[in-house]
Amino acid sequence: MGERPTVVLLHGLARSHRSLARLRRSLEAAGYPTWSRSYPSRRQGVEQLASEIGEQIREELGNRPLFAVTHSMGGIIVRQLARALPWRGSVLIAPPNRGSAVARLMRDAKIFQWFYGPAGQQLGAEPSEIERWPAPPRPCGVIAGTQSFSLRNPTSWLTRATGVLDGPSDGTVAVSETQLDEDALDGFVTLDANHTFIANHPQTARLVVRFVSSGRF
């Protein structure tokens, strides 16, 4: 057997590494070394964040094989790093792969700009910009949520009131926004979970460990 990859966990916008602690414990219990750090998601753009995270990973992990497990915007960051590090694959949880309708709706609001910063603006990019984002490391699996309203997900209050999301969603990101072209995707599943806490869903941990182990859900 070859060397097991180190699983790199990347949290989403305005979150911290603690939001992925349960997933980290599940992966370590399954025998996978992990790397998880907080990064200043509200203060910099996606490209700068990716560059700094990539450099930190190279300094700490060298040329070890890696597997990415991400939540929300963490998936967009790992896409920026797809060709820069020795990935063996990725699992993207609730990623805005096609951009975010919520970010497009709110990007001109001063409070949105203040709280979510440059990266939040980029998630509201136009389709022509999003098409230039690199594909994620393969094999790639996507987990999307379908709990469109939750008292524990304040963004879902906005999306319910405005109707900004088309079709099923996790209250923040539409299922359709998580999807990739067929030639970039190796597995896709949905869970009855909201955006904020989908990474803590017990089935998420099982699916992630299975995909890291086998490249399929």
C-alpha atoms as a PDB file:
ATOM      1  CA  MET A   1       0.000   0.000   0.000  1.00  0.00           C
ATOM      2  CA  GLY A   2       1.179   3.540  -0.769  1.00  0.00           C
ATOM      3  CA  GLU A   3       1.455   6.360   1.690  1.00  0.00           C
ATOM      4  CA  ARG A   4      -1.898   7.540   2.982  1.00  0.00           C
ATOM      5  CA  PRO A   5      -2.618  11.129   1.996  1.00  0.00           C
ATOM      6  CA  THR A   6      -2.736  13.892   4.550  1.00  0.00           C
ATOM      7  CA  VAL A   7      -6.267  15.284   4.490  1.00  0.00           C
ATOM      8  CA  VAL A   8      -6.261  19.069   4.181  1.00  0.00           C
ATOM      9  CA  LEU A   9      -9.421  20.570   5.679  1.00  0.00           C
ATOM     10  CA  LEU A  10     -10.366  24.074   4.515  1.00  0.00           C
ATOM     11  CA  HIS A  11     -13.236  25.925   6.170  1.00  0.00           C
ATOM     12  CA  GLY A  12     -15.581  28.418   4.561  1.00  0.00           C
ATOM     13  CA  LEU A  13     -16.015  32.182   4.580  1.00  0.00           C
ATOM     14  CA  ALA A  14     -16.204  33.801   8.033  1.00  0.00           C
ATOM     15  CA  ARG A  15     -15.628  30.454   9.762  1.00  0.00           C
ATOM     16  CA  SER A  16     -12.597  28.830  11.412  1.00  0.00           C
ATOM     17  CA  HIS A  17     -10.862  25.459  11.542  1.00  0.00           C
ATOM     18  CA  ARG A  18     -13.061  24.586  14.525  1.00  0.00           C
ATOM     19  CA  SER A  19     -16.067  24.295  12.194  1.00  0.00           C
ATOM     20  CA  LEU A  20     -14.466  21.145  10.733  1.00  0.00           C
ATOM     21  CA  ALA A  21     -13.312  19.610  14.023  1.00  0.00           C
ATOM     22  CA  ARG A  22     -15.836  16.766  13.929  1.00  0.00           C
ATOM     23  CA  LEU A  23     -14.808  15.806  10.407  1.00  0.00           C
ATOM     24  CA  ARG A  24     -11.169  15.952  11.427  1.00  0.00           C
ATOM     25  CA  ARG A  25     -11.764  13.564  14.320  1.00  0.00           C
ATOM     26  CA  SER A  26     -13.595  11.120  12.040  1.00  0.00           C
ATOM     27  CA  LEU A  27     -10.771  11.133   9.504  1.00  0.00           C
ATOM     28  CA  GLU A  28      -8.107  10.657  12.166  1.00  0.00           C
ATOM     29  CA  ALA A  29     -10.116   7.794  13.681  1.00  0.00           C
ATOM     30  CA  ALA A  30     -10.063   6.194  10.210  1.00  0.00           C
ATOM     31  CA  GLY A  31      -6.272   6.434  10.157  1.00  0.00           C
ATOM     32  CA  TYR A  32      -5.731   9.577   8.070  1.00  0.00           C
ATOM     33  CA  PRO A  33      -3.327  12.319   9.125  1.00  0.00           C
ATOM     34  CA  THR A  34      -4.933  15.751   8.845  1.00  0.00           C
ATOM     35  CA  TRP A  35      -3.964  19.383   8.391  1.00  0.00           C
ATOM     36  CA  SER A  36      -6.436  22.072   9.450  1.00  0.00           C
ATOM     37  CA  ARG A  37      -5.763  25.764  10.015  1.00  0.00           C
ATOM     38  CA  SER A  38      -7.843  28.918  10.223  1.00  0.00           C
ATOM     39  CA  TYR A  39      -7.170  31.543   7.560  1.00  0.00           C
ATOM     40  CA  PRO A  40      -8.251  35.226   7.257  1.00  0.00           C
ATOM     41  CA  SER A  41     -11.187  34.542   4.948  1.00  0.00           C
ATOM     42  CA  ARG A  42     -12.786  37.973   5.418  1.00  0.00           C
ATOM     43  CA  ARG A  43      -9.692  40.065   4.772  1.00  0.00           C
ATOM     44  CA  GLN A  44      -8.316  38.906   1.421  1.00  0.00           C
ATOM     45  CA  GLY A  45      -9.403  37.788  -2.022  1.00  0.00           C
ATOM     46  CA  VAL A  46      -9.622  34.148  -3.072  1.00  0.00           C
ATOM     47  CA  GLU A  47      -6.385  34.131  -5.079  1.00  0.00           C
ATOM     48  CA  GLN A  48      -4.316  35.687  -2.288  1.00  0.00           C
ATOM     49  CA  LEU A  49      -5.826  33.345   0.284  1.00  0.00           C
ATOM     50  CA  ALA A  50      -5.050  30.357  -1.940  1.00  0.00           C
ATOM     51  CA  SER A  51      -1.468  31.515  -2.476  1.00  0.00           C
ATOM     52  CA  GLU A  52      -0.801  31.942   1.244  1.00  0.00           C
ATOM     53  CA  ILE A  53      -2.512  28.682   2.205  1.00  0.00           C
ATOM     54  CA  GLY A  54      -0.611  26.819  -0.500  1.00  0.00           C
ATOM     55  CA  GLU A  55       2.704  28.176   0.733  1.00  0.00           C
ATOM     56  CA  GLN A  56       1.879  27.203   4.310  1.00  0.00           C
ATOM     57  CA  ILE A  57       0.963  23.674   3.229  1.00  0.00           C
ATOM     58  CA  ARG A  58       4.210  23.317   1.254  1.00  0.00           C
ATOM     59  CA  GLU A  59       6.262  24.548   4.214  1.00  0.00           C
ATOM     60  CA  GLU A  60       4.592  22.206   6.705  1.00  0.00           C
ATOM     61  CA  LEU A  61       3.861  19.111   4.608  1.00  0.00           C
ATOM     62  CA  GLY A  62       6.494  19.173   1.877  1.00  0.00           C
ATOM     63  CA  ASN A  63       5.716  16.755  -0.956  1.00  0.00           C
ATOM     64  CA  ARG A  64       3.407  14.449   0.979  1.00  0.00           C
ATOM     65  CA  PRO A  65       0.340  13.281  -0.941  1.00  0.00           C
ATOM     66  CA  LEU A  66      -2.736  15.336  -0.070  1.00  0.00           C
ATOM     67  CA  PHE A  67      -6.511  14.980  -0.175  1.00  0.00           C
ATOM     68  CA  ALA A  68      -8.719  18.065   0.149  1.00  0.00           C
ATOM     69  CA  VAL A  69     -11.904  18.142   2.218  1.00  0.00           C
ATOM     70  CA  THR A  70     -13.555  21.550   2.140  1.00  0.00           C
ATOM     71  CA  HIS A  71     -16.656  23.417   3.237  1.00  0.00           C
ATOM     72  CA  SER A  72     -18.255  26.188   1.186  1.00  0.00           C
ATOM     73  CA  MET A  73     -15.659  28.727  -0.031  1.00  0.00           C
ATOM     74  CA  GLY A  74     -12.876  26.349   1.000  1.00  0.00           C
ATOM     75  CA  GLY A  75     -13.776  24.433  -2.150  1.00  0.00           C
ATOM     76  CA  ILE A  76     -13.135  27.473  -4.320  1.00  0.00           C
ATOM     77  CA  ILE A  77      -9.753  27.975  -2.666  1.00  0.00           C
ATOM     78  CA  VAL A  78      -8.707  24.380  -3.301  1.00  0.00           C
ATOM     79  CA  ARG A  79      -9.731  24.798  -6.936  1.00  0.00           C
ATOM     80  CA  GLN A  80      -7.212  27.644  -7.153  1.00  0.00           C
ATOM     81  CA  LEU A  81      -4.593  25.231  -5.781  1.00  0.00           C
ATOM     82  CA  ALA A  82      -5.549  22.279  -7.981  1.00  0.00           C
ATOM     83  CA  ARG A  83      -2.331  22.331 -10.021  1.00  0.00           C
ATOM     84  CA  ALA A  84      -0.043  23.646  -7.294  1.00  0.00           C
ATOM     85  CA  LEU A  85       0.044  20.755  -4.814  1.00  0.00           C
ATOM     86  CA  PRO A  86       0.258  16.918  -4.970  1.00  0.00           C
ATOM     87  CA  TRP A  87      -3.444  16.187  -4.545  1.00  0.00           C
ATOM     88  CA  ARG A  88      -4.940  12.709  -4.717  1.00  0.00           C
ATOM     89  CA  GLY A  89      -8.507  13.992  -4.797  1.00  0.00           C
ATOM     90  CA  SER A  90     -11.080  16.213  -3.126  1.00  0.00           C
ATOM     91  CA  VAL A  91     -14.457  16.276  -1.405  1.00  0.00           C
ATOM     92  CA  LEU A  92     -16.245  19.612  -1.632  1.00  0.00           C
ATOM     93  CA  ILE A  93     -19.056  20.126   0.890  1.00  0.00           C
ATOM     94  CA  ALA A  94     -21.681  22.738  -0.087  1.00  0.00           C
ATOM     95  CA  PRO A  95     -19.330  24.550  -2.501  1.00  0.00           C
ATOM     96  CA  PRO A  96     -20.544  27.530  -4.568  1.00  0.00           C
ATOM     97  CA  ASN A  97     -18.945  26.028  -7.673  1.00  0.00           C
ATOM     98  CA  ARG A  98     -21.104  28.125  -9.975  1.00  0.00           C
ATOM     99  CA  GLY A  99     -20.893  31.233  -7.823  1.00  0.00           C
ATOM    100  CA  SER A 100     -23.427  32.449  -5.287  1.00  0.00           C
ATOM    101  CA  ALA A 101     -26.762  34.075  -6.082  1.00  0.00           C
ATOM    102  CA  VAL A 102     -26.877  35.328  -2.496  1.00  0.00           C
ATOM    103  CA  ALA A 103     -23.521  37.069  -2.932  1.00  0.00           C
ATOM    104  CA  ARG A 104     -24.682  38.589  -6.223  1.00  0.00           C
ATOM    105  CA  LEU A 105     -27.827  39.879  -4.505  1.00  0.00           C
ATOM    106  CA  MET A 106     -25.943  41.406  -1.584  1.00  0.00           C
ATOM    107  CA  ARG A 107     -22.543  42.395  -2.981  1.00  0.00           C
ATOM    108  CA  ASP A 108     -23.387  46.117  -3.298  1.00  0.00           C
ATOM    109  CA  ALA A 109     -24.583  46.359   0.308  1.00  0.00           C
ATOM    110  CA  LYS A 110     -22.022  48.050   2.554  1.00  0.00           C
ATOM    111  CA  ILE A 111     -22.638  45.658   5.437  1.00  0.00           C
ATOM    112  CA  PHE A 112     -22.007  42.668   3.137  1.00  0.00           C
ATOM    113  CA  GLN A 113     -18.795  44.227   1.850  1.00  0.00           C
ATOM    114  CA  TRP A 114     -17.637  44.979   5.390  1.00  0.00           C
ATOM    115  CA  PHE A 115     -18.423  41.569   6.842  1.00  0.00           C
ATOM    116  CA  TYR A 116     -17.503  39.236   3.970  1.00  0.00           C
ATOM    117  CA  GLY A 117     -14.706  41.257   2.407  1.00  0.00           C
ATOM    118  CA  PRO A 118     -13.080  40.769  -1.021  1.00  0.00           C
ATOM    119  CA  ALA A 119     -13.665  37.012  -1.164  1.00  0.00           C
ATOM    120  CA  GLY A 120     -17.389  37.472  -0.565  1.00  0.00           C
ATOM    121  CA  GLN A 121     -17.484  39.833  -3.526  1.00  0.00           C
ATOM    122  CA  GLN A 122     -15.757  37.243  -5.697  1.00  0.00           C
ATOM    123  CA  LEU A 123     -18.330  34.586  -4.850  1.00  0.00           C
ATOM    124  CA  GLY A 124     -20.849  36.881  -6.525  1.00  0.00           C
ATOM    125  CA  ALA A 125     -18.841  36.844  -9.748  1.00  0.00           C
ATOM    126  CA  GLU A 126     -20.508  36.745 -13.137  1.00  0.00           C
ATOM    127  CA  PRO A 127     -20.622  33.388 -14.978  1.00  0.00           C
ATOM    128  CA  SER A 128     -17.883  34.463 -17.413  1.00  0.00           C
ATOM    129  CA  GLU A 129     -15.479  34.902 -14.485  1.00  0.00           C
ATOM    130  CA  ILE A 130     -16.526  31.679 -12.766  1.00  0.00           C
ATOM    131  CA  GLU A 131     -15.823  29.660 -15.917  1.00  0.00           C
ATOM    132  CA  ARG A 132     -12.133  30.539 -15.490  1.00  0.00           C
ATOM    133  CA  TRP A 133     -11.895  28.916 -12.048  1.00  0.00           C
ATOM    134  CA  PRO A 134      -9.755  25.740 -12.306  1.00  0.00           C
ATOM    135  CA  ALA A 135     -11.431  22.357 -11.858  1.00  0.00           C
ATOM    136  CA  PRO A 136     -10.900  20.710  -8.448  1.00  0.00           C
ATOM    137  CA  PRO A 137      -8.470  17.832  -7.854  1.00  0.00           C
ATOM    138  CA  ARG A 138      -9.712  14.427  -9.089  1.00  0.00           C
ATOM    139  CA  PRO A 139     -11.319  12.219  -8.100  1.00  0.00           C
ATOM    140  CA  CYS A 140     -13.776  14.839  -6.891  1.00  0.00           C
ATOM    141  CA  GLY A 141     -16.943  14.324  -4.889  1.00  0.00           C
ATOM    142  CA  VAL A 142     -19.529  16.973  -3.994  1.00  0.00           C
ATOM    143  CA  ILE A 143     -21.927  16.867  -1.038  1.00  0.00           C
ATOM    144  CA  ALA A 144     -24.853  19.319  -1.231  1.00  0.00           C
ATOM    145  CA  GLY A 145     -27.473  20.170   1.383  1.00  0.00           C
ATOM    146  CA  THR A 146     -31.232  20.398   0.845  1.00  0.00           C
ATOM    147  CA  GLN A 147     -32.486  21.878   4.149  1.00  0.00           C
ATOM    148  CA  SER A 148     -33.584  25.190   2.673  1.00  0.00           C
ATOM    149  CA  PHE A 149     -34.629  26.841   5.949  1.00  0.00           C
ATOM    150  CA  SER A 150     -33.188  26.541   9.419  1.00  0.00           C
ATOM    151  CA  LEU A 151     -33.329  28.819  12.440  1.00  0.00           C
ATOM    152  CA  ARG A 152     -29.631  27.997  12.881  1.00  0.00           C
ATOM    153  CA  ASN A 153     -28.772  29.352   9.416  1.00  0.00           C
ATOM    154  CA  PRO A 154     -29.583  33.094   9.353  1.00  0.00           C
ATOM    155  CA  THR A 155     -28.852  33.369   5.626  1.00  0.00           C
ATOM    156  CA  SER A 156     -31.779  31.036   5.003  1.00  0.00           C
ATOM    157  CA  TRP A 157     -34.097  33.677   6.456  1.00  0.00           C
ATOM    158  CA  LEU A 158     -32.969  36.025   3.667  1.00  0.00           C
ATOM    159  CA  THR A 159     -33.193  33.432   0.919  1.00  0.00           C
ATOM    160  CA  ARG A 160     -36.686  32.420   2.002  1.00  0.00           C
ATOM    161  CA  ALA A 161     -37.849  36.051   2.075  1.00  0.00           C
ATOM    162  CA  THR A 162     -36.339  36.979  -1.306  1.00  0.00           C
ATOM    163  CA  GLY A 163     -36.717  33.727  -3.234  1.00  0.00           C
ATOM    164  CA  VAL A 164     -33.236  34.321  -4.636  1.00  0.00           C
ATOM    165  CA  LEU A 165     -32.340  30.615  -4.799  1.00  0.00           C
ATOM    166  CA  ASP A 166     -33.882  28.479  -7.523  1.00  0.00           C
ATOM    167  CA  GLY A 167     -34.783  24.894  -6.671  1.00  0.00           C
ATOM    168  CA  PRO A 168     -33.479  22.857  -3.727  1.00  0.00           C
ATOM    169  CA  SER A 169     -30.867  24.520  -1.531  1.00  0.00           C
ATOM    170  CA  ASP A 170     -29.148  24.382   1.841  1.00  0.00           C
ATOM    171  CA  GLY A 171     -30.494  27.854   2.630  1.00  0.00           C
ATOM    172  CA  THR A 172     -27.320  29.569   1.412  1.00  0.00           C
ATOM    173  CA  VAL A 173     -26.190  27.748  -1.741  1.00  0.00           C
ATOM    174  CA  ALA A 174     -28.543  26.183  -4.279  1.00  0.00           C
ATOM    175  CA  VAL A 175     -27.909  22.546  -5.158  1.00  0.00           C
ATOM    176  CA  SER A 176     -27.494  23.655  -8.774  1.00  0.00           C
ATOM    177  CA  GLU A 177     -24.737  26.066  -7.674  1.00  0.00           C
ATOM    178  CA  THR A 178     -22.706  23.232  -6.148  1.00  0.00           C
ATOM    179  CA  GLN A 179     -22.543  21.213  -9.339  1.00  0.00           C
ATOM    180  CA  LEU A 180     -19.646  20.802 -11.754  1.00  0.00           C
ATOM    181  CA  ASP A 181     -19.434  19.670 -15.356  1.00  0.00           C
ATOM    182  CA  GLU A 182     -19.707  15.882 -15.646  1.00  0.00           C
ATOM    183  CA  ASP A 183     -16.113  15.527 -16.804  1.00  0.00           C
ATOM    184  CA  ALA A 184     -14.889  17.183 -13.568  1.00  0.00           C
ATOM    185  CA  LEU A 185     -17.027  15.198 -11.115  1.00  0.00           C
ATOM    186  CA  ASP A 186     -16.767  11.636  -9.799  1.00  0.00           C
ATOM    187  CA  GLY A 187     -19.534  11.596  -7.197  1.00  0.00           C
ATOM    188  CA  PHE A 188     -22.490  13.734  -6.112  1.00  0.00           C
ATOM    189  CA  VAL A 189     -24.829  13.266  -3.148  1.00  0.00           C
ATOM    190  CA  THR A 190     -27.363  15.379  -1.270  1.00  0.00           C
ATOM    191  CA  LEU A 191     -28.156  15.407   2.441  1.00  0.00           C
ATOM    192  CA  ASP A 192     -31.010  16.890   4.466  1.00  0.00           C
ATOM    193  CA  ALA A 193     -28.729  19.469   6.063  1.00  0.00           C
ATOM    194  CA  ASN A 194     -28.343  23.247   6.158  1.00  0.00           C
ATOM    195  CA  HIS A 195     -25.310  25.141   4.938  1.00  0.00           C
ATOM    196  CA  THR A 196     -24.003  26.215   8.323  1.00  0.00           C
ATOM    197  CA  PHE A 197     -23.888  22.770   9.898  1.00  0.00           C
ATOM    198  CA  ILE A 198     -23.685  20.303   6.998  1.00  0.00           C
ATOM    199  CA  ALA A 199     -20.059  19.515   7.894  1.00  0.00           C
ATOM    200  CA  ASN A 200     -21.263  18.302  11.312  1.00  0.00           C
ATOM    201  CA  HIS A 201     -23.909  15.962   9.895  1.00  0.00           C
ATOM    202  CA  PRO A 202     -23.025  12.370  10.903  1.00  0.00           C
ATOM    203  CA  GLN A 203     -23.627  11.103   7.383  1.00  0.00           C
ATOM    204  CA  THR A 204     -21.205  13.697   6.022  1.00  0.00           C
ATOM    205  CA  ALA A 205     -18.364  12.162   8.018  1.00  0.00           C
ATOM    206  CA  ARG A 206     -19.176   8.666   6.738  1.00  0.00           C
ATOM    207  CA  LEU A 207     -19.367   9.860   3.143  1.00  0.00           C
ATOM    208  CA  VAL A 208     -16.119  11.804   3.394  1.00  0.00           C
ATOM    209  CA  VAL A 209     -14.154   8.903   4.878  1.00  0.00           C
ATOM    210  CA  ARG A 210     -15.539   6.568   2.210  1.00  0.00           C
ATOM    211  CA  PHE A 211     -14.617   8.918  -0.628  1.00  0.00           C
ATOM    212  CA  VAL A 212     -11.120   9.591   0.695  1.00  0.00           C
ATOM    213  CA  SER A 213     -10.627   5.825   0.955  1.00  0.00           C
ATOM    214  CA  SER A 214     -12.120   4.753  -2.364  1.00  0.00           C
ATOM    215  CA  GLY A 215     -12.729   7.742  -4.632  1.00  0.00           C
ATOM    216  CA  ARG A 216     -16.473   7.147  -4.573  1.00  0.00           C
ATOM    217  CA  PHE A 217     -19.431   7.679  -2.256  1.00  0.00           C
END
